[in-house]
Protein backbone atom coordinates (compact mmCIF):
# COMPACT_ATOMS: atom_id res chain seq x y z
CA MET A 1 4.54 -58.17 0.18
CA ASN A 2 4.52 -54.53 1.38
CA LYS A 3 7.25 -52.27 0.04
CA LYS A 4 8.16 -48.67 0.83
CA ILE A 5 8.96 -46.63 -2.27
CA GLN A 6 10.38 -43.10 -2.48
CA ILE A 7 9.34 -40.60 -5.16
CA PRO A 8 11.07 -39.38 -7.33
CA PHE A 9 11.39 -42.96 -8.42
CA ASP A 10 14.52 -45.00 -8.91
CA LYS A 11 13.80 -46.84 -12.17
CA GLU A 12 15.90 -49.80 -11.04
CA GLU A 13 13.69 -50.13 -7.97
CA LEU A 14 10.57 -50.03 -10.15
CA LYS A 15 11.86 -53.06 -12.07
CA ASP A 16 11.56 -55.09 -8.85
CA LEU A 17 7.86 -54.32 -8.43
CA ARG A 18 5.34 -56.91 -9.61
CA ALA A 19 1.64 -56.59 -10.38
CA GLY A 20 -0.17 -57.26 -7.11
CA ASP A 21 2.53 -55.82 -4.83
CA TYR A 22 1.28 -53.56 -2.04
CA VAL A 23 3.37 -50.41 -1.70
CA TYR A 24 3.59 -47.34 0.48
CA LEU A 25 4.65 -44.27 -1.49
CA SER A 26 6.44 -41.31 0.09
CA GLY A 27 7.74 -38.14 -1.54
CA THR A 28 6.47 -35.70 -4.14
CA VAL A 29 3.38 -36.53 -6.21
CA TYR A 30 1.62 -34.25 -8.68
CA SER A 31 -2.14 -34.26 -9.18
CA ALA A 32 -3.61 -33.92 -12.65
CA ARG A 33 -6.91 -34.90 -14.19
CA ASP A 34 -8.54 -34.64 -17.61
CA ALA A 35 -8.42 -30.89 -18.18
CA ALA A 36 -4.84 -30.53 -16.92
CA HIS A 37 -3.69 -33.46 -19.08
CA LYS A 38 -5.31 -31.87 -22.12
CA ARG A 39 -3.48 -28.59 -21.48
CA MET A 40 -0.13 -30.29 -20.98
CA TYR A 41 -0.64 -32.39 -24.13
CA GLU A 42 -1.53 -29.36 -26.26
CA ALA A 43 1.42 -27.37 -24.89
CA VAL A 44 3.86 -30.16 -25.73
CA LEU A 45 2.40 -30.60 -29.23
CA ALA A 46 2.79 -26.86 -29.87
CA ALA A 47 6.47 -26.89 -28.87
CA ASP A 48 9.07 -27.03 -31.64
CA SER A 49 11.98 -28.77 -29.90
CA GLU A 50 12.60 -31.35 -27.18
CA GLU A 51 13.81 -28.61 -24.85
CA ALA A 52 10.70 -26.52 -25.54
CA LYS A 53 8.48 -29.57 -24.93
CA ARG A 54 9.96 -30.09 -21.47
CA ALA A 55 9.71 -26.36 -20.72
CA ALA A 56 6.03 -26.39 -21.79
CA LEU A 57 5.13 -28.60 -18.85
CA PRO A 58 4.43 -26.96 -15.48
CA PHE A 59 6.86 -29.31 -13.66
CA ASP A 60 9.74 -31.63 -14.54
CA ILE A 61 7.99 -34.98 -14.98
CA ARG A 62 11.13 -37.10 -15.12
CA ASN A 63 10.96 -39.92 -12.53
CA GLN A 64 7.79 -38.41 -11.06
CA ALA A 65 4.28 -39.69 -10.36
CA ILE A 66 0.95 -38.20 -11.31
CA TYR A 67 -2.06 -38.95 -9.13
CA TYR A 68 -5.32 -38.76 -11.05
CA LEU A 69 -7.05 -36.68 -8.41
CA GLY A 70 -9.48 -33.82 -8.07
CA PRO A 71 -9.71 -33.26 -4.30
CA THR A 72 -12.61 -31.73 -2.45
CA PRO A 73 -11.97 -28.45 -0.64
CA ALA A 74 -9.87 -28.79 2.50
CA PRO A 75 -11.82 -28.65 5.73
CA GLU A 76 -10.49 -26.22 8.32
CA GLY A 77 -7.25 -27.51 9.82
CA HIS A 78 -6.61 -30.02 7.02
CA VAL A 79 -4.09 -29.98 4.17
CA ILE A 80 -6.56 -31.26 1.57
CA GLY A 81 -10.10 -32.55 1.33
CA SER A 82 -11.12 -36.03 0.27
CA ALA A 83 -8.41 -37.31 -2.10
CA GLY A 84 -9.67 -40.45 -3.82
CA PRO A 85 -8.49 -41.55 -7.26
CA THR A 86 -10.37 -40.87 -10.47
CA THR A 87 -10.73 -43.23 -13.41
CA ALA A 88 -7.36 -43.48 -15.13
CA SER A 89 -8.63 -44.39 -18.59
CA ARG A 90 -9.76 -40.79 -19.11
CA MET A 91 -6.06 -39.85 -19.31
CA ASP A 92 -5.10 -42.67 -21.71
CA LYS A 93 -4.96 -40.43 -24.79
CA TYR A 94 -2.26 -38.29 -23.16
CA THR A 95 -0.34 -40.83 -21.08
CA PRO A 96 1.99 -42.49 -23.65
CA MET A 97 3.48 -39.11 -24.57
CA LEU A 98 4.08 -38.19 -20.92
CA LEU A 99 5.64 -41.59 -20.19
CA ASP A 100 7.93 -41.15 -23.21
CA MET A 101 8.96 -37.77 -21.75
CA GLY A 102 10.03 -39.33 -18.46
CA LEU A 103 6.97 -39.76 -16.24
CA THR A 104 7.50 -43.04 -14.39
CA GLY A 105 4.44 -43.55 -12.20
CA MET A 106 0.71 -43.03 -12.30
CA ILE A 107 -1.84 -43.50 -9.54
CA GLY A 108 -5.50 -43.94 -10.35
CA LYS A 109 -8.17 -46.57 -10.56
CA GLY A 110 -9.44 -48.82 -13.30
CA LYS A 111 -8.10 -50.38 -16.47
CA ARG A 112 -5.68 -48.81 -18.96
CA SER A 113 -5.54 -49.04 -22.75
CA PRO A 114 -3.14 -51.31 -24.65
CA GLU A 115 -1.27 -48.16 -25.75
CA VAL A 116 -0.65 -47.14 -22.15
CA ARG A 117 0.47 -50.64 -21.25
CA GLU A 118 2.93 -50.64 -24.18
CA ALA A 119 4.29 -47.24 -23.07
CA VAL A 120 4.66 -48.53 -19.49
CA VAL A 121 6.78 -51.44 -20.73
CA ARG A 122 8.73 -49.31 -23.23
CA ASN A 123 9.70 -46.85 -20.50
CA GLY A 124 10.03 -49.16 -17.49
CA CYS A 125 7.20 -47.43 -15.61
CA VAL A 126 4.47 -48.54 -13.19
CA TYR A 127 0.74 -47.95 -12.88
CA PHE A 128 -0.53 -48.00 -9.29
CA ALA A 129 -4.11 -48.17 -8.06
CA ALA A 130 -5.41 -46.40 -4.99
CA THR A 131 -8.60 -47.58 -3.36
CA GLY A 132 -11.66 -45.84 -4.75
CA GLY A 133 -14.12 -44.74 -2.08
CA ALA A 134 -11.36 -44.23 0.49
CA GLY A 135 -10.60 -40.59 -0.31
CA ALA A 136 -10.99 -39.35 3.27
CA LEU A 137 -8.51 -41.94 4.52
CA LEU A 138 -6.08 -41.36 1.63
CA SER A 139 -6.08 -37.61 2.32
CA LYS A 140 -4.45 -38.32 5.69
CA CYS A 141 -1.34 -39.52 3.81
CA ILE A 142 -0.99 -36.13 2.08
CA VAL A 143 1.11 -33.91 4.33
CA SER A 144 1.26 -30.83 2.07
CA SER A 145 -0.55 -29.60 -1.03
CA GLU A 146 0.06 -26.54 -3.18
CA VAL A 147 -1.50 -25.53 -6.53
CA ILE A 148 1.37 -24.98 -8.98
CA ALA A 149 -0.40 -24.66 -12.36
CA TYR A 150 -3.76 -24.11 -14.06
CA ASP A 151 -5.40 -22.53 -11.00
CA ASP A 152 -8.37 -21.61 -13.17
CA LEU A 153 -9.28 -25.31 -13.37
CA GLY A 154 -10.32 -25.36 -9.71
CA THR A 155 -10.11 -28.90 -8.32
CA GLU A 156 -8.49 -30.02 -11.58
CA ALA A 157 -5.54 -27.63 -11.14
CA ILE A 158 -2.13 -29.27 -10.89
CA ARG A 159 -0.99 -29.66 -7.30
CA LYS A 160 2.40 -30.51 -5.89
CA MET A 161 1.79 -32.77 -2.92
CA GLU A 162 4.03 -34.45 -0.39
CA VAL A 163 2.78 -37.87 0.60
CA ARG A 164 3.86 -40.16 3.42
CA ASP A 165 3.13 -43.90 3.36
CA PHE A 166 0.43 -43.50 0.71
CA PRO A 167 -1.02 -47.01 0.15
CA ALA A 168 -1.28 -48.33 -3.39
CA VAL A 169 -1.23 -51.57 -5.35
CA VAL A 170 0.90 -52.21 -8.45
CA VAL A 171 -1.58 -52.87 -11.26
CA ILE A 172 0.71 -52.79 -14.32
CA ASP A 173 4.36 -53.46 -13.65
CA SER A 174 7.33 -52.50 -15.84
CA ALA A 175 7.19 -55.91 -17.56
CA GLY A 176 3.56 -55.35 -18.58
CA ASN A 177 1.95 -57.77 -16.14
CA ASN A 178 -1.56 -56.52 -15.42
CA LEU A 179 -3.22 -57.35 -12.10
CA TYR A 180 -6.70 -56.88 -13.56
CA GLU A 181 -5.96 -59.74 -15.96
CA THR A 182 -3.91 -62.04 -13.70
CA ALA A 183 -6.34 -61.74 -10.78
CA VAL A 184 -9.23 -62.91 -12.97
CA LYS A 185 -7.19 -65.85 -14.28
CA ASP A 186 -6.10 -66.80 -10.76
CA TYR A 187 -9.67 -66.61 -9.50
CA LEU A 188 -11.03 -68.73 -12.35
CA ALA A 189 -8.26 -71.29 -11.84
CA SER A 190 -9.13 -71.52 -8.12
CA ARG A 191 -12.77 -72.28 -8.98
CA LYS A 192 -11.89 -75.48 -10.89
């Protein structure tokens, strides 16, 4: 089933998503990869109060989505270059803390750690996968892109992007169902 989802997310709407659902995301998405996650993590750890922790982040992450993305330079006349997902597990060390602070969606590719899965369930969040190798096509769903933090990181800088009908698949839903596990079981069952 294809569903259209607006970002910032409505957590009640996220509860209706199931692992394996195809979705089209529209709204604001932030890009962040390894180096940006490390900086955010260190800034939050250095803060001495909940208010200071939120202020240490370069954007309000509550009900937002982070796309694990390091785009190529934008060709002339384009908003962004190729915008394919990067491997999500590289952010696993930092993700539970960000989810506990209010992040509700992540877009990447590949498996996640048990700790991330537990944080997804604990916070009623969702992990989406974008199709690896389709970065040129995915970039057409990004209608604006602006670096908002960590410009010195180049392609790993944090970007605020507006997306329209960005295609993704729910991999881990808010109940903890994991498509990478259920798809294997379903396939093996079909082979009997």
